[in-house]
Amino acid sequence: MNGVITGRELVSHFRLVWKEFGLRCLLRCAACCLARRRRTFLEIAWETRRP
């Protein structure tokens, strides 16, 4: 288990990510998946929550 977010996970948890973390986090996750960058969800969520 490496913890990297995938497109399949993003699609299956779309509503949860949007509801709990917001549209900005969802779009960052989608951008990482499309660019095929290896990032974990926690890295993306933490980056989004910073002021």
PDB file of N, CA and C in Angstrom:
ATOM      1  N   MET A   1       0.855  -1.181   0.000  1.00  0.00           N
ATOM      2  CA  MET A   1       0.000   0.000   0.000  1.00  0.00           C
ATOM      3  C   MET A   1       0.894   1.236   0.000  1.00  0.00           C
ATOM      4  N   ASN A   2       0.737   2.065  -0.997  1.00  0.00           N
ATOM      5  CA  ASN A   2       1.586   3.247  -1.064  1.00  0.00           C
ATOM      6  C   ASN A   2       0.828   4.546  -0.811  1.00  0.00           C
ATOM      7  N   GLY A   3      -0.499   4.528  -0.752  1.00  0.00           N
ATOM      8  CA  GLY A   3      -1.272   5.693  -0.372  1.00  0.00           C
ATOM      9  C   GLY A   3      -1.451   6.749  -1.443  1.00  0.00           C
ATOM     10  N   VAL A   4      -1.043   6.471  -2.659  1.00  0.00           N
ATOM     11  CA  VAL A   4      -1.166   7.444  -3.740  1.00  0.00           C
ATOM     12  C   VAL A   4      -2.602   7.446  -4.252  1.00  0.00           C
ATOM     13  N   ILE A   5      -3.162   8.618  -4.436  1.00  0.00           N
ATOM     14  CA  ILE A   5      -4.540   8.728  -4.907  1.00  0.00           C
ATOM     15  C   ILE A   5      -4.611   8.366  -6.385  1.00  0.00           C
ATOM     16  N   THR A   6      -5.656   7.634  -6.744  1.00  0.00           N
ATOM     17  CA  THR A   6      -5.851   7.223  -8.132  1.00  0.00           C
ATOM     18  C   THR A   6      -7.172   7.771  -8.645  1.00  0.00           C
ATOM     19  N   GLY A   7      -7.327   7.747  -9.940  1.00  0.00           N
ATOM     20  CA  GLY A   7      -8.565   8.209 -10.548  1.00  0.00           C
ATOM     21  C   GLY A   7      -9.763   7.381 -10.107  1.00  0.00           C
ATOM     22  N   ARG A   8      -9.567   6.080  -9.962  1.00  0.00           N
ATOM     23  CA  ARG A   8     -10.647   5.195  -9.527  1.00  0.00           C
ATOM     24  C   ARG A   8     -11.130   5.578  -8.127  1.00  0.00           C
ATOM     25  N   GLU A   9     -10.199   5.843  -7.231  1.00  0.00           N
ATOM     26  CA  GLU A   9     -10.568   6.245  -5.873  1.00  0.00           C
ATOM     27  C   GLU A   9     -11.258   7.602  -5.874  1.00  0.00           C
ATOM     28  N   LEU A  10     -10.784   8.501  -6.694  1.00  0.00           N
ATOM     29  CA  LEU A  10     -11.382   9.826  -6.755  1.00  0.00           C
ATOM     30  C   LEU A  10     -12.824   9.757  -7.245  1.00  0.00           C
ATOM     31  N   VAL A  11     -13.073   8.947  -8.257  1.00  0.00           N
ATOM     32  CA  VAL A  11     -14.426   8.804  -8.779  1.00  0.00           C
ATOM     33  C   VAL A  11     -15.336   8.130  -7.761  1.00  0.00           C
ATOM     34  N   SER A  12     -14.837   7.106  -7.096  1.00  0.00           N
ATOM     35  CA  SER A  12     -15.686   6.375  -6.156  1.00  0.00           C
ATOM     36  C   SER A  12     -15.976   7.173  -4.884  1.00  0.00           C
ATOM     37  N   HIS A  13     -15.126   8.124  -4.533  1.00  0.00           N
ATOM     38  CA  HIS A  13     -15.323   8.924  -3.318  1.00  0.00           C
ATOM     39  C   HIS A  13     -15.538  10.405  -3.638  1.00  0.00           C
ATOM     40  N   PHE A  14     -16.035  10.674  -4.837  1.00  0.00           N
ATOM     41  CA  PHE A  14     -16.225  12.034  -5.336  1.00  0.00           C
ATOM     42  C   PHE A  14     -17.047  12.895  -4.378  1.00  0.00           C
ATOM     43  N   ARG A  15     -18.221  12.413  -4.003  1.00  0.00           N
ATOM     44  CA  ARG A  15     -19.124  13.200  -3.152  1.00  0.00           C
ATOM     45  C   ARG A  15     -18.539  13.427  -1.765  1.00  0.00           C
ATOM     46  N   LEU A  16     -17.880  12.428  -1.231  1.00  0.00           N
ATOM     47  CA  LEU A  16     -17.287  12.549   0.100  1.00  0.00           C
ATOM     48  C   LEU A  16     -16.178  13.602   0.119  1.00  0.00           C
ATOM     49  N   VAL A  17     -15.311  13.553  -0.870  1.00  0.00           N
ATOM     50  CA  VAL A  17     -14.214  14.530  -0.938  1.00  0.00           C
ATOM     51  C   VAL A  17     -14.781  15.932  -1.087  1.00  0.00           C
ATOM     52  N   TRP A  18     -15.770  16.093  -1.948  1.00  0.00           N
ATOM     53  CA  TRP A  18     -16.362  17.413  -2.176  1.00  0.00           C
ATOM     54  C   TRP A  18     -17.032  17.924  -0.903  1.00  0.00           C
ATOM     55  N   LYS A  19     -17.784  17.062  -0.240  1.00  0.00           N
ATOM     56  CA  LYS A  19     -18.522  17.481   0.953  1.00  0.00           C
ATOM     57  C   LYS A  19     -17.599  17.818   2.123  1.00  0.00           C
ATOM     58  N   GLU A  20     -16.609  16.975   2.369  1.00  0.00           N
ATOM     59  CA  GLU A  20     -15.752  17.136   3.545  1.00  0.00           C
ATOM     60  C   GLU A  20     -14.566  18.078   3.331  1.00  0.00           C
ATOM     61  N   PHE A  21     -14.035  18.134   2.107  1.00  0.00           N
ATOM     62  CA  PHE A  21     -12.807  18.904   1.869  1.00  0.00           C
ATOM     63  C   PHE A  21     -12.981  20.054   0.893  1.00  0.00           C
ATOM     64  N   GLY A  22     -14.074  20.095   0.163  1.00  0.00           N
ATOM     65  CA  GLY A  22     -14.355  21.213  -0.718  1.00  0.00           C
ATOM     66  C   GLY A  22     -13.952  20.988  -2.165  1.00  0.00           C
ATOM     67  N   LEU A  23     -14.446  21.878  -2.982  1.00  0.00           N
ATOM     68  CA  LEU A  23     -14.215  21.797  -4.418  1.00  0.00           C
ATOM     69  C   LEU A  23     -12.740  21.992  -4.766  1.00  0.00           C
ATOM     70  N   ARG A  24     -12.081  22.872  -4.048  1.00  0.00           N
ATOM     71  CA  ARG A  24     -10.663  23.135  -4.328  1.00  0.00           C
ATOM     72  C   ARG A  24      -9.811  21.877  -4.165  1.00  0.00           C
ATOM     73  N   CYS A  25     -10.055  21.129  -3.100  1.00  0.00           N
ATOM     74  CA  CYS A  25      -9.320  19.886  -2.867  1.00  0.00           C
ATOM     75  C   CYS A  25      -9.655  18.862  -3.948  1.00  0.00           C
ATOM     76  N   LEU A  26     -10.911  18.781  -4.320  1.00  0.00           N
ATOM     77  CA  LEU A  26     -11.335  17.848  -5.360  1.00  0.00           C
ATOM     78  C   LEU A  26     -10.649  18.160  -6.689  1.00  0.00           C
ATOM     79  N   LEU A  27     -10.580  19.430  -7.024  1.00  0.00           N
ATOM     80  CA  LEU A  27      -9.931  19.824  -8.273  1.00  0.00           C
ATOM     81  C   LEU A  27      -8.424  19.560  -8.241  1.00  0.00           C
ATOM     82  N   ARG A  28      -7.805  19.769  -7.095  1.00  0.00           N
ATOM     83  CA  ARG A  28      -6.371  19.458  -6.965  1.00  0.00           C
ATOM     84  C   ARG A  28      -6.112  17.969  -7.134  1.00  0.00           C
ATOM     85  N   CYS A  29      -6.986  17.162  -6.543  1.00  0.00           N
ATOM     86  CA  CYS A  29      -6.864  15.703  -6.679  1.00  0.00           C
ATOM     87  C   CYS A  29      -7.009  15.294  -8.141  1.00  0.00           C
ATOM     88  N   ALA A  30      -8.009  15.875  -8.808  1.00  0.00           N
ATOM     89  CA  ALA A  30      -8.233  15.557 -10.219  1.00  0.00           C
ATOM     90  C   ALA A  30      -7.031  15.976 -11.066  1.00  0.00           C
ATOM     91  N   ALA A  31      -6.473  17.129 -10.776  1.00  0.00           N
ATOM     92  CA  ALA A  31      -5.309  17.603 -11.529  1.00  0.00           C
ATOM     93  C   ALA A  31      -4.114  16.670 -11.342  1.00  0.00           C
ATOM     94  N   CYS A  32      -3.914  16.184 -10.123  1.00  0.00           N
ATOM     95  CA  CYS A  32      -2.810  15.256  -9.868  1.00  0.00           C
ATOM     96  C   CYS A  32      -3.018  13.933 -10.594  1.00  0.00           C
ATOM     97  N   CYS A  33      -4.256  13.476 -10.618  1.00  0.00           N
ATOM     98  CA  CYS A  33      -4.553  12.225 -11.318  1.00  0.00           C
ATOM     99  C   CYS A  33      -4.330  12.378 -12.820  1.00  0.00           C
ATOM    100  N   LEU A  34      -4.781  13.486 -13.375  1.00  0.00           N
ATOM    101  CA  LEU A  34      -4.623  13.714 -14.806  1.00  0.00           C
ATOM    102  C   LEU A  34      -3.166  13.917 -15.199  1.00  0.00           C
ATOM    103  N   ALA A  35      -2.403  14.565 -14.336  1.00  0.00           N
ATOM    104  CA  ALA A  35      -0.982  14.809 -14.617  1.00  0.00           C
ATOM    105  C   ALA A  35      -0.116  13.603 -14.248  1.00  0.00           C
ATOM    106  N   ARG A  36      -0.739  12.591 -13.649  1.00  0.00           N
ATOM    107  CA  ARG A  36      -0.050  11.370 -13.224  1.00  0.00           C
ATOM    108  C   ARG A  36       1.091  11.644 -12.246  1.00  0.00           C
ATOM    109  N   ARG A  37       0.854  12.642 -11.375  1.00  0.00           N
ATOM    110  CA  ARG A  37       1.814  12.906 -10.299  1.00  0.00           C
ATOM    111  C   ARG A  37       1.488  11.987  -9.135  1.00  0.00           C
ATOM    112  N   ARG A  38       2.483  11.458  -8.502  1.00  0.00           N
ATOM    113  CA  ARG A  38       2.297  10.532  -7.392  1.00  0.00           C
ATOM    114  C   ARG A  38       2.243  11.318  -6.095  1.00  0.00           C
ATOM    115  N   ARG A  39       1.018  11.622  -5.647  1.00  0.00           N
ATOM    116  CA  ARG A  39       0.814  12.365  -4.405  1.00  0.00           C
ATOM    117  C   ARG A  39      -0.234  11.647  -3.582  1.00  0.00           C
ATOM    118  N   THR A  40      -0.122  11.760  -2.292  1.00  0.00           N
ATOM    119  CA  THR A  40      -1.125  11.156  -1.424  1.00  0.00           C
ATOM    120  C   THR A  40      -2.255  12.150  -1.201  1.00  0.00           C
ATOM    121  N   PHE A  41      -3.391  11.612  -0.806  1.00  0.00           N
ATOM    122  CA  PHE A  41      -4.535  12.481  -0.544  1.00  0.00           C
ATOM    123  C   PHE A  41      -4.231  13.444   0.594  1.00  0.00           C
ATOM    124  N   LEU A  42      -3.539  12.979   1.610  1.00  0.00           N
ATOM    125  CA  LEU A  42      -3.232  13.845   2.749  1.00  0.00           C
ATOM    126  C   LEU A  42      -2.337  15.011   2.349  1.00  0.00           C
ATOM    127  N   GLU A  43      -1.403  14.790   1.442  1.00  0.00           N
ATOM    128  CA  GLU A  43      -0.571  15.896   0.950  1.00  0.00           C
ATOM    129  C   GLU A  43      -1.433  16.952   0.264  1.00  0.00           C
ATOM    130  N   ILE A  44      -2.361  16.493  -0.547  1.00  0.00           N
ATOM    131  CA  ILE A  44      -3.234  17.413  -1.278  1.00  0.00           C
ATOM    132  C   ILE A  44      -4.179  18.139  -0.325  1.00  0.00           C
ATOM    133  N   ALA A  45      -4.782  17.402   0.582  1.00  0.00           N
ATOM    134  CA  ALA A  45      -5.739  18.006   1.521  1.00  0.00           C
ATOM    135  C   ALA A  45      -5.041  19.011   2.429  1.00  0.00           C
ATOM    136  N   TRP A  46      -3.854  18.691   2.915  1.00  0.00           N
ATOM    137  CA  TRP A  46      -3.115  19.606   3.785  1.00  0.00           C
ATOM    138  C   TRP A  46      -2.727  20.877   3.025  1.00  0.00           C
ATOM    139  N   GLU A  47      -2.313  20.715   1.789  1.00  0.00           N
ATOM    140  CA  GLU A  47      -1.933  21.858   0.957  1.00  0.00           C
ATOM    141  C   GLU A  47      -3.132  22.773   0.710  1.00  0.00           C
ATOM    142  N   THR A  48      -4.300  22.195   0.558  1.00  0.00           N
ATOM    143  CA  THR A  48      -5.520  22.954   0.291  1.00  0.00           C
ATOM    144  C   THR A  48      -5.976  23.707   1.523  1.00  0.00           C
ATOM    145  N   ARG A  49      -5.785  23.145   2.706  1.00  0.00           N
ATOM    146  CA  ARG A  49      -6.273  23.746   3.953  1.00  0.00           C
ATOM    147  C   ARG A  49      -5.416  24.900   4.445  1.00  0.00           C
ATOM    148  N   ARG A  50      -4.223  25.047   3.953  1.00  0.00           N
ATOM    149  CA  ARG A  50      -3.359  26.147   4.406  1.00  0.00           C
ATOM    150  C   ARG A  50      -3.936  27.479   3.950  1.00  0.00           C
ATOM    151  N   PRO A  51      -3.778  28.516   4.772  1.00  0.00           N
ATOM    152  CA  PRO A  51      -4.301  29.858   4.397  1.00  0.00           C
ATOM    153  C   PRO A  51      -3.533  30.500   3.274  1.00  0.00           C
TER     154      PRO A  51
END
